[in-house]
C-alpha cells in the first residue's frame, strides 16, 4: 500500500484489531496497577499499625519506668527528709544532748 492510496477494508480491520489489542493491554495494565496500589496501601496500613503498637508498648514501658523512678525518689527524699529534719532541729538536738548527759550521769559514775 502506497502512502497516498486509500486503505482497504482489510487494512482498516487490521488497524482496528491492533488498536483494540492495545486498548485491552492498557486495561489489563490498569487493573494490575490498581491491584498493586491496593497491596501497597494495605502494606502501609499494616506497617502503621505495627509501628503504633510498638510505640504504644515502648510508651507503656517508659511510663512504668518513670513511675518506678519517681516512687524511688519520693521514698529516698522522705527518708533523707526525716534525717535532715532530725539533724537540723534544735529541739531534737537538745533532747539528744540531754539523753547523752543522763546516760553519762547514770552509767559512768561507777
Protein backbone atom coordinates (compact mmCIF):
# COMPACT_ATOMS: atom_id res chain seq x y z
CA UNK A 1 0.00 0.00 0.00
CA UNK A 2 1.33 3.35 -1.02
CA UNK A 3 1.04 6.26 1.42
CA UNK A 4 -1.36 8.05 -0.92
CA UNK A 5 -3.68 5.10 -1.53
CA UNK A 6 -6.88 4.61 0.38
CA UNK A 7 -6.61 1.83 2.98
CA UNK A 8 -8.56 -1.23 2.10
CA UNK A 9 -11.18 -2.72 4.36
CA UNK A 10 -8.68 -5.40 5.34
CA UNK A 11 -6.10 -2.73 6.30
CA UNK A 12 -8.67 -0.86 8.33
CA UNK A 13 -9.78 -4.05 10.07
CA UNK A 14 -6.14 -4.92 10.83
CA UNK A 15 -5.54 -1.44 12.31
CA UNK A 16 -8.75 -1.73 14.32
CA UNK A 17 -7.64 -5.08 15.75
CA UNK A 18 -4.23 -3.61 16.69
CA UNK A 19 -5.87 -0.64 18.44
CA UNK A 20 -8.35 -2.98 20.14
CA UNK A 21 -5.46 -5.18 21.35
CA UNK A 22 -3.55 -2.13 22.62
CA UNK A 23 -6.67 -0.96 24.44
CA UNK A 24 -7.08 -4.35 26.10
CA UNK A 25 -3.40 -4.33 27.08
CA UNK A 26 -3.78 -0.89 28.66
CA UNK A 27 -6.91 -2.08 30.51
CA UNK A 28 -5.07 -5.11 31.90
CA UNK A 29 -2.13 -2.97 32.97
CA UNK A 30 -4.51 -0.55 34.66
CA UNK A 31 -6.15 -3.43 36.56
CA UNK A 32 -2.70 -4.68 37.59
CA UNK A 33 -1.63 -1.18 38.73
CA UNK A 34 -4.83 -0.78 40.77
CA UNK A 35 -4.13 -4.14 42.45
CA UNK A 36 -0.51 -3.13 43.16
CA UNK A 37 -1.70 0.18 44.66
CA UNK A 38 -4.22 -1.70 46.82
CA UNK A 39 -1.47 -4.03 48.05
CA UNK A 40 0.83 -1.08 48.77
CA UNK A 41 -1.90 0.71 50.72
CA UNK A 42 -2.58 -2.45 52.71
CA UNK A 43 1.13 -2.79 53.48
CA UNK A 44 1.36 0.84 54.61
CA UNK A 45 -1.68 0.40 56.87
CA UNK A 46 -0.22 -2.77 58.38
CA UNK A 47 3.14 -1.10 58.94
CA UNK A 48 1.43 1.86 60.58
CA UNK A 49 -0.44 -0.45 62.95
CA UNK A 50 2.76 -2.33 63.78
CA UNK A 51 4.65 0.91 64.45
CA UNK A 52 1.77 2.28 66.52
CA UNK A 53 1.70 -0.91 68.60
CA UNK A 54 5.48 -0.78 69.05
CA UNK A 55 5.27 2.86 70.12
CA UNK A 56 2.41 2.09 72.49
CA UNK A 57 4.38 -0.75 74.09
CA UNK A 58 7.52 1.39 74.33
CA UNK A 59 5.49 4.23 75.85
CA UNK A 60 3.98 1.86 78.43
CA UNK A 61 7.43 0.54 79.36
CA UNK A 62 8.82 4.06 79.70
CA UNK A 63 5.82 5.19 81.72
CA UNK A 64 6.27 2.25 84.12
CA UNK A 65 9.98 3.04 84.44
CA UNK A 66 9.30 6.73 85.15
CA UNK A 67 6.68 5.79 87.75
CA UNK A 68 9.11 3.40 89.44
CA UNK A 69 11.87 6.03 89.48
CA UNK A 70 9.51 8.68 90.86
CA UNK A 71 8.40 6.33 93.66
CA UNK A 72 12.02 5.56 94.47
CA UNK A 73 12.88 9.29 94.52
CA UNK A 74 9.92 10.02 96.81
CA UNK A 75 10.98 7.25 99.23
CA UNK A 76 14.58 8.48 99.21
CA UNK A 77 13.52 12.10 99.73
CA UNK A 78 11.21 11.00 102.55
CA UNK A 79 13.95 9.11 104.35
CA UNK A 80 16.56 11.83 103.92
CA UNK A 81 13.97 14.48 104.75
CA UNK A 82 13.28 12.92 108.15
CA UNK A 83 17.00 12.52 108.84
CA UNK A 84 17.67 16.13 107.81
CA UNK A 85 14.82 17.36 109.97
CA UNK A 86 16.24 15.48 112.94
CA UNK A 87 19.74 16.79 112.34
CA UNK A 88 18.61 20.39 111.79
CA UNK A 89 16.10 20.55 114.65
CA UNK A 90 17.45 22.32 117.74
CA UNK A 91 14.79 20.71 119.95
CA UNK A 92 15.84 17.24 118.93
CA UNK A 93 19.49 18.21 119.40
CA UNK A 94 18.69 19.33 122.96
CA UNK A 95 16.89 16.05 123.66
CA UNK A 96 19.82 14.06 122.25
CA UNK A 97 22.30 16.06 124.38
CA UNK A 98 20.12 15.57 127.45
CA UNK A 99 19.89 11.83 126.77
CA UNK A 100 23.67 11.58 126.45
CA UNK A 101 24.11 13.58 129.68
CA UNK A 102 21.66 11.33 131.54
CA UNK A 103 23.39 8.23 130.22
CA UNK A 104 26.79 9.53 131.26
CA UNK A 105 25.48 10.57 134.67
CA UNK A 106 23.85 7.22 135.34
CA UNK A 107 26.32 4.75 133.93
CA UNK A 108 29.71 6.41 134.02
CA UNK A 109 29.95 7.02 137.76
CA UNK A 110 30.51 3.50 138.65
